[in-house]
Amino acid sequence: MRRLWVLACMDERMPVDEALGIRADSPVGGGDAHLFRNAGGIVTDDAVRSAMLTINFFGTREIVVLQHTGCGMLSANGSDLEKALRDKGIDVDNIALDPSLPELKLGKGAFGKWSGMMDDVDETCIKTVDYLKNHPLIPKSVVVSGWVWETEFRRLRAPEIQFEIRRGGNRTRKNRDL
C-alpha cells in the first residue's frame, strides 16, 4: 500500500522519480506514491482536498512537498499577472474557481494572491510545509517534509531560509531543520 503523497511543481524539469528515488504513479498504476502536481507545487484548496482524501481513504502517512529552483512561478508577480489578464479583457474579480462549487469565489483584488506567484522558492517551500503541518484536515501523525530540487545541479536539498546558507555558507543542522 502506498503511504506517500507528493505535492510537486508541474514543470517538466522537476523529475519527481529521480529527486525522491521513487516510481510515482503512472497511467497504469503501481507507483510508490500518489503524485499531485500544480504550478509551483503550492498548497491550494484542491491540494488540501486531495491530501485529505488520500490520508483518510488510502492510508497515506507521509507528505513530501517538492519545489525547484528556476520555477516559472518566480518569474512574475501576482499583480503583473492580474494586469496582463485584465488587459486581455478578463474580469479577474468574477471568476468561477470550481464548477462543482460555484459559491467558491475570490474576493475583489484577491486574484493576484490566489495565483500563487512567489519570490523565493525556499521560503515558499517552508511555508507550504508549515501550512500542511498545521491544517485541520491533515492529522498530526502525518509526517510532512519539504525539499528543493536544484534544476541546475540535478540535486535535492532541504530548503534554506537564509540566503547566505543557500550560497554555500554555514550548513549546520540547525539551519536546515524545518
Foldseek 3Di string as FASTA:
>chain_A
DAQEEEQEEPDPLQPPCLAVVWAEADPVGDTNYHYHYYQFSADDPVNLVVVLCCVVPVVHQEYEREGEPPGPLQVDFLVVVVVVVVVVVDDQQQDQPDPVCRVDGDHPPCRRVNVPRDNDSLVRQVVRQVCLCPPPSRDVRRHYAYWYQYSVVRHIDARFPDPVVVVPDDDDPVRRDD
